[in-house]
Amino acid sequence: MNKKNAYIEAAEARLKEAKAELDKLQARADREKAESKIELSRKKEELEQKRDDLEKRLKNLKSKSEEAWDDLKEGIDDSMKDLKDAVADARSRFQS
């Protein structure tokens, strides 16, 4: 497996983990009181936008040549870190 494909596979696995965390947040929001539910729903929407952006970047990366993918990797790494940090923040803020 080349570096590009290994990177994409690892990024997709991390994205899948983030999606699972979003599902947990949604389940939590469904059980919360109205005020907390609104705040949690806003946070979830923010996380979904970050996730969607990352999915688009990964899709774009898949279409690039082996030589060009390295230029896109840094932006994807930044987006991945941003999503991971936002999920961790949401988890800590809304944990029971």
PDB file of N, CA and C in Angstrom:
ATOM      1  N   MET A   1       0.850  -1.176   0.000  1.00  0.00           N
ATOM      2  CA  MET A   1       0.000   0.000   0.000  1.00  0.00           C
ATOM      3  C   MET A   1       0.896   1.239   0.000  1.00  0.00           C
ATOM      4  N   ASN A   2       0.595   2.191  -0.869  1.00  0.00           N
ATOM      5  CA  ASN A   2       1.423   3.395  -0.918  1.00  0.00           C
ATOM      6  C   ASN A   2       1.040   4.360   0.206  1.00  0.00           C
ATOM      7  N   LYS A   3       1.857   5.387   0.375  1.00  0.00           N
ATOM      8  CA  LYS A   3       1.649   6.344   1.471  1.00  0.00           C
ATOM      9  C   LYS A   3       0.297   7.040   1.378  1.00  0.00           C
ATOM     10  N   LYS A   4      -0.080   7.434   0.179  1.00  0.00           N
ATOM     11  CA  LYS A   4      -1.343   8.144  -0.003  1.00  0.00           C
ATOM     12  C   LYS A   4      -2.518   7.275   0.449  1.00  0.00           C
ATOM     13  N   ASN A   5      -2.560   6.037  -0.012  1.00  0.00           N
ATOM     14  CA  ASN A   5      -3.666   5.151   0.352  1.00  0.00           C
ATOM     15  C   ASN A   5      -3.670   4.824   1.843  1.00  0.00           C
ATOM     16  N   ALA A   6      -2.500   4.646   2.421  1.00  0.00           N
ATOM     17  CA  ALA A   6      -2.416   4.390   3.863  1.00  0.00           C
ATOM     18  C   ALA A   6      -2.926   5.597   4.648  1.00  0.00           C
ATOM     19  N   TYR A   7      -2.552   6.774   4.193  1.00  0.00           N
ATOM     20  CA  TYR A   7      -3.005   7.998   4.852  1.00  0.00           C
ATOM     21  C   TYR A   7      -4.526   8.131   4.760  1.00  0.00           C
ATOM     22  N   ILE A   8      -5.078   7.907   3.568  1.00  0.00           N
ATOM     23  CA  ILE A   8      -6.526   8.003   3.369  1.00  0.00           C
ATOM     24  C   ILE A   8      -7.251   6.992   4.252  1.00  0.00           C
ATOM     25  N   GLU A   9      -6.740   5.784   4.316  1.00  0.00           N
ATOM     26  CA  GLU A   9      -7.357   4.746   5.136  1.00  0.00           C
ATOM     27  C   GLU A   9      -7.361   5.150   6.618  1.00  0.00           C
ATOM     28  N   ALA A  10      -6.254   5.685   7.096  1.00  0.00           N
ATOM     29  CA  ALA A  10      -6.166   6.115   8.495  1.00  0.00           C
ATOM     30  C   ALA A  10      -7.099   7.301   8.754  1.00  0.00           C
ATOM     31  N   ALA A  11      -7.153   8.246   7.830  1.00  0.00           N
ATOM     32  CA  ALA A  11      -8.022   9.412   7.994  1.00  0.00           C
ATOM     33  C   ALA A  11      -9.485   8.995   7.989  1.00  0.00           C
ATOM     34  N   GLU A  12      -9.847   8.058   7.136  1.00  0.00           N
ATOM     35  CA  GLU A  12     -11.225   7.583   7.102  1.00  0.00           C
ATOM     36  C   GLU A  12     -11.596   6.860   8.398  1.00  0.00           C
ATOM     37  N   ALA A  13     -10.653   6.147   8.987  1.00  0.00           N
ATOM     38  CA  ALA A  13     -10.912   5.481  10.266  1.00  0.00           C
ATOM     39  C   ALA A  13     -11.150   6.514  11.357  1.00  0.00           C
ATOM     40  N   ARG A  14     -10.351   7.578  11.374  1.00  0.00           N
ATOM     41  CA  ARG A  14     -10.545   8.637  12.370  1.00  0.00           C
ATOM     42  C   ARG A  14     -11.870   9.357  12.138  1.00  0.00           C
ATOM     43  N   LEU A  15     -12.241   9.536  10.887  1.00  0.00           N
ATOM     44  CA  LEU A  15     -13.511  10.170  10.553  1.00  0.00           C
ATOM     45  C   LEU A  15     -14.675   9.302  11.033  1.00  0.00           C
ATOM     46  N   LYS A  16     -14.550   8.006  10.885  1.00  0.00           N
ATOM     47  CA  LYS A  16     -15.583   7.089  11.352  1.00  0.00           C
ATOM     48  C   LYS A  16     -15.743   7.191  12.868  1.00  0.00           C
ATOM     49  N   GLU A  17     -14.624   7.322  13.588  1.00  0.00           N
ATOM     50  CA  GLU A  17     -14.681   7.495  15.041  1.00  0.00           C
ATOM     51  C   GLU A  17     -15.402   8.790  15.403  1.00  0.00           C
ATOM     52  N   ALA A  18     -15.123   9.859  14.660  1.00  0.00           N
ATOM     53  CA  ALA A  18     -15.778  11.145  14.917  1.00  0.00           C
ATOM     54  C   ALA A  18     -17.277  11.038  14.666  1.00  0.00           C
ATOM     55  N   LYS A  19     -17.674  10.318  13.628  1.00  0.00           N
ATOM     56  CA  LYS A  19     -19.096  10.125  13.344  1.00  0.00           C
ATOM     57  C   LYS A  19     -19.769   9.384  14.495  1.00  0.00           C
ATOM     58  N   ALA A  20     -19.095   8.393  15.058  1.00  0.00           N
ATOM     59  CA  ALA A  20     -19.654   7.656  16.192  1.00  0.00           C
ATOM     60  C   ALA A  20     -19.849   8.585  17.389  1.00  0.00           C
ATOM     61  N   GLU A  21     -18.910   9.483  17.608  1.00  0.00           N
ATOM     62  CA  GLU A  21     -19.037  10.448  18.704  1.00  0.00           C
ATOM     63  C   GLU A  21     -20.210  11.391  18.463  1.00  0.00           C
ATOM     64  N   LEU A  22     -20.416  11.791  17.211  1.00  0.00           N
ATOM     65  CA  LEU A  22     -21.557  12.645  16.884  1.00  0.00           C
ATOM     66  C   LEU A  22     -22.876  11.922  17.161  1.00  0.00           C
ATOM     67  N   ASP A  23     -22.922  10.639  16.864  1.00  0.00           N
ATOM     68  CA  ASP A  23     -24.127   9.856  17.156  1.00  0.00           C
ATOM     69  C   ASP A  23     -24.389   9.808  18.661  1.00  0.00           C
ATOM     70  N   LYS A  24     -23.318   9.676  19.446  1.00  0.00           N
ATOM     71  CA  LYS A  24     -23.469   9.670  20.900  1.00  0.00           C
ATOM     72  C   LYS A  24     -23.989  11.023  21.389  1.00  0.00           C
ATOM     73  N   LEU A  25     -23.467  12.110  20.810  1.00  0.00           N
ATOM     74  CA  LEU A  25     -23.944  13.438  21.184  1.00  0.00           C
ATOM     75  C   LEU A  25     -25.426  13.603  20.847  1.00  0.00           C
ATOM     76  N   GLN A  26     -25.834  13.078  19.709  1.00  0.00           N
ATOM     77  CA  GLN A  26     -27.239  13.180  19.330  1.00  0.00           C
ATOM     78  C   GLN A  26     -28.107  12.408  20.316  1.00  0.00           C
ATOM     79  N   ALA A  27     -27.687  11.236  20.705  1.00  0.00           N
ATOM     80  CA  ALA A  27     -28.449  10.454  21.680  1.00  0.00           C
ATOM     81  C   ALA A  27     -28.548  11.208  22.997  1.00  0.00           C
ATOM     82  N   ARG A  28     -27.461  11.832  23.373  1.00  0.00           N
ATOM     83  CA  ARG A  28     -27.458  12.622  24.611  1.00  0.00           C
ATOM     84  C   ARG A  28     -28.414  13.808  24.486  1.00  0.00           C
ATOM     85  N   ALA A  29     -28.381  14.481  23.340  1.00  0.00           N
ATOM     86  CA  ALA A  29     -29.249  15.644  23.115  1.00  0.00           C
ATOM     87  C   ALA A  29     -30.715  15.233  23.199  1.00  0.00           C
ATOM     88  N   ASP A  30     -31.020  14.056  22.738  1.00  0.00           N
ATOM     89  CA  ASP A  30     -32.393  13.578  22.764  1.00  0.00           C
ATOM     90  C   ASP A  30     -32.909  13.384  24.189  1.00  0.00           C
ATOM     91  N   ARG A  31     -32.004  13.195  25.140  1.00  0.00           N
ATOM     92  CA  ARG A  31     -32.395  12.973  26.532  1.00  0.00           C
ATOM     93  C   ARG A  31     -32.345  14.237  27.384  1.00  0.00           C
ATOM     94  N   GLU A  32     -31.752  15.299  26.871  1.00  0.00           N
ATOM     95  CA  GLU A  32     -31.515  16.502  27.662  1.00  0.00           C
ATOM     96  C   GLU A  32     -32.750  17.392  27.792  1.00  0.00           C
ATOM     97  N   LYS A  33     -32.669  18.289  28.759  1.00  0.00           N
ATOM     98  CA  LYS A  33     -33.681  19.318  28.933  1.00  0.00           C
ATOM     99  C   LYS A  33     -33.574  20.298  27.768  1.00  0.00           C
ATOM    100  N   ALA A  34     -34.597  21.112  27.589  1.00  0.00           N
ATOM    101  CA  ALA A  34     -34.691  21.992  26.419  1.00  0.00           C
ATOM    102  C   ALA A  34     -33.467  22.887  26.234  1.00  0.00           C
ATOM    103  N   GLU A  35     -33.029  23.590  27.279  1.00  0.00           N
ATOM    104  CA  GLU A  35     -31.906  24.527  27.135  1.00  0.00           C
ATOM    105  C   GLU A  35     -30.622  23.795  26.768  1.00  0.00           C
ATOM    106  N   SER A  36     -30.329  22.730  27.470  1.00  0.00           N
ATOM    107  CA  SER A  36     -29.132  21.940  27.170  1.00  0.00           C
ATOM    108  C   SER A  36     -29.240  21.310  25.792  1.00  0.00           C
ATOM    109  N   LYS A  37     -30.445  20.897  25.455  1.00  0.00           N
ATOM    110  CA  LYS A  37     -30.665  20.268  24.158  1.00  0.00           C
ATOM    111  C   LYS A  37     -30.363  21.236  23.020  1.00  0.00           C
ATOM    112  N   ILE A  38     -30.757  22.487  23.168  1.00  0.00           N
ATOM    113  CA  ILE A  38     -30.484  23.500  22.142  1.00  0.00           C
ATOM    114  C   ILE A  38     -28.982  23.706  21.997  1.00  0.00           C
ATOM    115  N   GLU A  39     -28.290  23.861  23.110  1.00  0.00           N
ATOM    116  CA  GLU A  39     -26.833  24.064  23.065  1.00  0.00           C
ATOM    117  C   GLU A  39     -26.135  22.852  22.458  1.00  0.00           C
ATOM    118  N   LEU A  40     -26.544  21.676  22.868  1.00  0.00           N
ATOM    119  CA  LEU A  40     -25.946  20.458  22.347  1.00  0.00           C
ATOM    120  C   LEU A  40     -26.223  20.299  20.858  1.00  0.00           C
ATOM    121  N   SER A  41     -27.418  20.653  20.439  1.00  0.00           N
ATOM    122  CA  SER A  41     -27.754  20.567  19.012  1.00  0.00           C
ATOM    123  C   SER A  41     -26.906  21.530  18.186  1.00  0.00           C
ATOM    124  N   ARG A  42     -26.682  22.740  18.712  1.00  0.00           N
ATOM    125  CA  ARG A  42     -25.817  23.707  17.998  1.00  0.00           C
ATOM    126  C   ARG A  42     -24.398  23.162  17.857  1.00  0.00           C
ATOM    127  N   LYS A  43     -23.899  22.593  18.944  1.00  0.00           N
ATOM    128  CA  LYS A  43     -22.539  22.041  18.913  1.00  0.00           C
ATOM    129  C   LYS A  43     -22.461  20.892  17.916  1.00  0.00           C
ATOM    130  N   LYS A  44     -23.492  20.069  17.893  1.00  0.00           N
ATOM    131  CA  LYS A  44     -23.512  18.946  16.963  1.00  0.00           C
ATOM    132  C   LYS A  44     -23.512  19.448  15.522  1.00  0.00           C
ATOM    133  N   GLU A  45     -24.283  20.492  15.227  1.00  0.00           N
ATOM    134  CA  GLU A  45     -24.296  21.057  13.875  1.00  0.00           C
ATOM    135  C   GLU A  45     -22.915  21.569  13.486  1.00  0.00           C
ATOM    136  N   GLU A  46     -22.243  22.220  14.421  1.00  0.00           N
ATOM    137  CA  GLU A  46     -20.888  22.716  14.165  1.00  0.00           C
ATOM    138  C   GLU A  46     -19.948  21.555  13.846  1.00  0.00           C
ATOM    139  N   LEU A  47     -20.052  20.497  14.611  1.00  0.00           N
ATOM    140  CA  LEU A  47     -19.202  19.325  14.384  1.00  0.00           C
ATOM    141  C   LEU A  47     -19.522  18.666  13.048  1.00  0.00           C
ATOM    142  N   GLU A  48     -20.796  18.616  12.700  1.00  0.00           N
ATOM    143  CA  GLU A  48     -21.168  18.021  11.412  1.00  0.00           C
ATOM    144  C   GLU A  48     -20.613  18.824  10.248  1.00  0.00           C
ATOM    145  N   GLN A  49     -20.567  20.141  10.372  1.00  0.00           N
ATOM    146  CA  GLN A  49     -19.983  20.969   9.312  1.00  0.00           C
ATOM    147  C   GLN A  49     -18.488  20.670   9.174  1.00  0.00           C
ATOM    148  N   LYS A  50     -17.808  20.538  10.297  1.00  0.00           N
ATOM    149  CA  LYS A  50     -16.379  20.207  10.262  1.00  0.00           C
ATOM    150  C   LYS A  50     -16.172  18.833   9.625  1.00  0.00           C
ATOM    151  N   ARG A  51     -17.032  17.887   9.990  1.00  0.00           N
ATOM    152  CA  ARG A  51     -16.938  16.538   9.434  1.00  0.00           C
ATOM    153  C   ARG A  51     -17.172  16.569   7.927  1.00  0.00           C
ATOM    154  N   ASP A  52     -18.200  17.306   7.485  1.00  0.00           N
ATOM    155  CA  ASP A  52     -18.496  17.395   6.059  1.00  0.00           C
ATOM    156  C   ASP A  52     -17.328  18.009   5.282  1.00  0.00           C
ATOM    157  N   ASP A  53     -16.713  19.044   5.852  1.00  0.00           N
ATOM    158  CA  ASP A  53     -15.555  19.669   5.222  1.00  0.00           C
ATOM    159  C   ASP A  53     -14.422  18.658   5.073  1.00  0.00           C
ATOM    160  N   LEU A  54     -14.202  17.888   6.109  1.00  0.00           N
ATOM    161  CA  LEU A  54     -13.138  16.888   6.070  1.00  0.00           C
ATOM    162  C   LEU A  54     -13.440  15.807   5.032  1.00  0.00           C
ATOM    163  N   GLU A  55     -14.684  15.370   4.958  1.00  0.00           N
ATOM    164  CA  GLU A  55     -15.054  14.374   3.948  1.00  0.00           C
ATOM    165  C   GLU A  55     -14.801  14.892   2.537  1.00  0.00           C
ATOM    166  N   LYS A  56     -15.119  16.158   2.293  1.00  0.00           N
ATOM    167  CA  LYS A  56     -14.863  16.753   0.977  1.00  0.00           C
ATOM    168  C   LYS A  56     -13.370  16.790   0.673  1.00  0.00           C
ATOM    169  N   ARG A  57     -12.582  17.158   1.672  1.00  0.00           N
ATOM    170  CA  ARG A  57     -11.132  17.202   1.470  1.00  0.00           C
ATOM    171  C   ARG A  57     -10.574  15.812   1.163  1.00  0.00           C
ATOM    172  N   LEU A  58     -11.072  14.796   1.863  1.00  0.00           N
ATOM    173  CA  LEU A  58     -10.606  13.430   1.599  1.00  0.00           C
ATOM    174  C   LEU A  58     -11.020  12.974   0.202  1.00  0.00           C
ATOM    175  N   LYS A  59     -12.228  13.312  -0.191  1.00  0.00           N
ATOM    176  CA  LYS A  59     -12.687  12.949  -1.535  1.00  0.00           C
ATOM    177  C   LYS A  59     -11.792  13.601  -2.586  1.00  0.00           C
ATOM    178  N   ASN A  60     -11.450  14.869  -2.377  1.00  0.00           N
ATOM    179  CA  ASN A  60     -10.565  15.584  -3.291  1.00  0.00           C
ATOM    180  C   ASN A  60      -9.186  14.924  -3.309  1.00  0.00           C
ATOM    181  N   LEU A  61      -8.712  14.517  -2.150  1.00  0.00           N
ATOM    182  CA  LEU A  61      -7.400  13.881  -2.053  1.00  0.00           C
ATOM    183  C   LEU A  61      -7.348  12.593  -2.866  1.00  0.00           C
ATOM    184  N   LYS A  62      -8.422  11.823  -2.829  1.00  0.00           N
ATOM    185  CA  LYS A  62      -8.456  10.549  -3.552  1.00  0.00           C
ATOM    186  C   LYS A  62      -8.278  10.740  -5.054  1.00  0.00           C
ATOM    187  N   SER A  63      -8.690  11.881  -5.566  1.00  0.00           N
ATOM    188  CA  SER A  63      -8.601  12.110  -7.001  1.00  0.00           C
ATOM    189  C   SER A  63      -7.250  12.678  -7.438  1.00  0.00           C
ATOM    190  N   LYS A  64      -6.391  12.995  -6.501  1.00  0.00           N
ATOM    191  CA  LYS A  64      -5.099  13.598  -6.831  1.00  0.00           C
ATOM    192  C   LYS A  64      -4.038  12.531  -7.077  1.00  0.00           C
ATOM    193  N   SER A  65      -3.027  12.914  -7.805  1.00  0.00           N
ATOM    194  CA  SER A  65      -1.926  11.999  -8.095  1.00  0.00           C
ATOM    195  C   SER A  65      -1.091  11.768  -6.838  1.00  0.00           C
ATOM    196  N   GLU A  66      -0.293  10.756  -6.891  1.00  0.00           N
ATOM    197  CA  GLU A  66       0.585  10.425  -5.763  1.00  0.00           C
ATOM    198  C   GLU A  66       1.503  11.597  -5.433  1.00  0.00           C
ATOM    199  N   GLU A  67       1.945  12.318  -6.439  1.00  0.00           N
ATOM    200  CA  GLU A  67       2.848  13.441  -6.226  1.00  0.00           C
ATOM    201  C   GLU A  67       2.127  14.646  -5.605  1.00  0.00           C
ATOM    202  N   ALA A  68       0.880  14.868  -5.979  1.00  0.00           N
ATOM    203  CA  ALA A  68       0.156  16.060  -5.541  1.00  0.00           C
ATOM    204  C   ALA A  68      -0.514  15.899  -4.173  1.00  0.00           C
ATOM    205  N   TRP A  69      -0.726  14.674  -3.732  1.00  0.00           N
ATOM    206  CA  TRP A  69      -1.490  14.482  -2.507  1.00  0.00           C
ATOM    207  C   TRP A  69      -0.793  15.060  -1.289  1.00  0.00           C
ATOM    208  N   ASP A  70       0.519  15.074  -1.304  1.00  0.00           N
ATOM    209  CA  ASP A  70       1.277  15.580  -0.155  1.00  0.00           C
ATOM    210  C   ASP A  70       0.962  17.045   0.122  1.00  0.00           C
ATOM    211  N   ASP A  71       0.664  17.807  -0.938  1.00  0.00           N
ATOM    212  CA  ASP A  71       0.318  19.220  -0.760  1.00  0.00           C
ATOM    213  C   ASP A  71      -1.007  19.385  -0.006  1.00  0.00           C
ATOM    214  N   LEU A  72      -1.917  18.451  -0.167  1.00  0.00           N
ATOM    215  CA  LEU A  72      -3.231  18.523   0.475  1.00  0.00           C
ATOM    216  C   LEU A  72      -3.222  17.943   1.891  1.00  0.00           C
ATOM    217  N   LYS A  73      -2.247  17.119   2.182  1.00  0.00           N
ATOM    218  CA  LYS A  73      -2.183  16.399   3.459  1.00  0.00           C
ATOM    219  C   LYS A  73      -2.189  17.347   4.656  1.00  0.00           C
ATOM    220  N   GLU A  74      -1.454  18.426   4.592  1.00  0.00           N
ATOM    221  CA  GLU A  74      -1.372  19.351   5.725  1.00  0.00           C
ATOM    222  C   GLU A  74      -2.731  19.950   6.065  1.00  0.00           C
ATOM    223  N   GLY A  75      -3.474  20.362   5.064  1.00  0.00           N
ATOM    224  CA  GLY A  75      -4.809  20.913   5.305  1.00  0.00           C
ATOM    225  C   GLY A  75      -5.750  19.880   5.900  1.00  0.00           C
ATOM    226  N   ILE A  76      -5.647  18.648   5.441  1.00  0.00           N
ATOM    227  CA  ILE A  76      -6.484  17.578   5.986  1.00  0.00           C
ATOM    228  C   ILE A  76      -6.085  17.288   7.430  1.00  0.00           C
ATOM    229  N   ASP A  77      -4.795  17.267   7.694  1.00  0.00           N
ATOM    230  CA  ASP A  77      -4.326  17.065   9.070  1.00  0.00           C
ATOM    231  C   ASP A  77      -4.879  18.149   9.991  1.00  0.00           C
ATOM    232  N   ASP A  78      -4.855  19.391   9.531  1.00  0.00           N
ATOM    233  CA  ASP A  78      -5.391  20.501  10.330  1.00  0.00           C
ATOM    234  C   ASP A  78      -6.886  20.339  10.576  1.00  0.00           C
ATOM    235  N   SER A  79      -7.620  19.958   9.526  1.00  0.00           N
ATOM    236  CA  SER A  79      -9.064  19.753   9.663  1.00  0.00           C
ATOM    237  C   SER A  79      -9.362  18.589  10.603  1.00  0.00           C
ATOM    238  N   MET A  80      -8.577  17.530  10.503  1.00  0.00           N
ATOM    239  CA  MET A  80      -8.765  16.369  11.364  1.00  0.00           C
ATOM    240  C   MET A  80      -8.533  16.736  12.828  1.00  0.00           C
ATOM    241  N   LYS A  81      -7.481  17.508  13.081  1.00  0.00           N
ATOM    242  CA  LYS A  81      -7.183  17.932  14.452  1.00  0.00           C
ATOM    243  C   LYS A  81      -8.293  18.841  14.974  1.00  0.00           C
ATOM    244  N   ASP A  82      -8.769  19.740  14.131  1.00  0.00           N
ATOM    245  CA  ASP A  82      -9.848  20.648  14.520  1.00  0.00           C
ATOM    246  C   ASP A  82     -11.109  19.857  14.890  1.00  0.00           C
ATOM    247  N   LEU A  83     -11.464  18.879  14.091  1.00  0.00           N
ATOM    248  CA  LEU A  83     -12.634  18.051  14.362  1.00  0.00           C
ATOM    249  C   LEU A  83     -12.432  17.245  15.641  1.00  0.00           C
ATOM    250  N   LYS A  84     -11.271  16.651  15.795  1.00  0.00           N
ATOM    251  CA  LYS A  84     -10.975  15.848  16.988  1.00  0.00           C
ATOM    252  C   LYS A  84     -11.074  16.709  18.255  1.00  0.00           C
ATOM    253  N   ASP A  85     -10.495  17.902  18.207  1.00  0.00           N
ATOM    254  CA  ASP A  85     -10.546  18.805  19.366  1.00  0.00           C
ATOM    255  C   ASP A  85     -11.975  19.245  19.672  1.00  0.00           C
ATOM    256  N   ALA A  86     -12.750  19.526  18.635  1.00  0.00           N
ATOM    257  CA  ALA A  86     -14.136  19.959  18.832  1.00  0.00           C
ATOM    258  C   ALA A  86     -14.984  18.835  19.421  1.00  0.00           C
ATOM    259  N   VAL A  87     -14.753  17.610  18.976  1.00  0.00           N
ATOM    260  CA  VAL A  87     -15.480  16.467  19.523  1.00  0.00           C
ATOM    261  C   VAL A  87     -15.104  16.265  20.986  1.00  0.00           C
ATOM    262  N   ALA A  88     -13.833  16.370  21.300  1.00  0.00           N
ATOM    263  CA  ALA A  88     -13.382  16.213  22.683  1.00  0.00           C
ATOM    264  C   ALA A  88     -13.980  17.294  23.574  1.00  0.00           C
ATOM    265  N   ASP A  89     -14.031  18.519  23.064  1.00  0.00           N
ATOM    266  CA  ASP A  89     -14.621  19.625  23.817  1.00  0.00           C
ATOM    267  C   ASP A  89     -16.108  19.367  24.074  1.00  0.00           C
ATOM    268  N   ALA A  90     -16.810  18.942  23.042  1.00  0.00           N
ATOM    269  CA  ALA A  90     -18.238  18.659  23.187  1.00  0.00           C
ATOM    270  C   ALA A  90     -18.461  17.530  24.178  1.00  0.00           C
ATOM    271  N   ARG A  91     -17.649  16.505  24.079  1.00  0.00           N
ATOM    272  CA  ARG A  91     -17.776  15.359  24.985  1.00  0.00           C
ATOM    273  C   ARG A  91     -17.598  15.805  26.432  1.00  0.00           C
ATOM    274  N   SER A  92     -16.584  16.632  26.687  1.00  0.00           N
ATOM    275  CA  SER A  92     -16.317  17.063  28.060  1.00  0.00           C
ATOM    276  C   SER A  92     -17.400  18.024  28.569  1.00  0.00           C
ATOM    277  N   ARG A  93     -17.950  18.851  27.705  1.00  0.00           N
ATOM    278  CA  ARG A  93     -18.981  19.811  28.117  1.00  0.00           C
ATOM    279  C   ARG A  93     -20.315  19.160  28.407  1.00  0.00           C
ATOM    280  N   PHE A  94     -20.612  18.080  27.726  1.00  0.00           N
ATOM    281  CA  PHE A  94     -21.932  17.486  27.838  1.00  0.00           C
ATOM    282  C   PHE A  94     -21.927  16.120  28.509  1.00  0.00           C
ATOM    283  N   GLN A  95     -20.820  15.778  29.133  1.00  0.00           N
ATOM    284  CA  GLN A  95     -20.758  14.504  29.838  1.00  0.00           C
ATOM    285  C   GLN A  95     -21.563  14.603  31.125  1.00  0.00           C
ATOM    286  N   SER A  96     -22.214  13.523  31.484  1.00  0.00           N
ATOM    287  CA  SER A  96     -23.039  13.561  32.693  1.00  0.00           C
ATOM    288  C   SER A  96     -22.217  13.522  33.952  1.00  0.00           C
TER     289      SER A  96
END
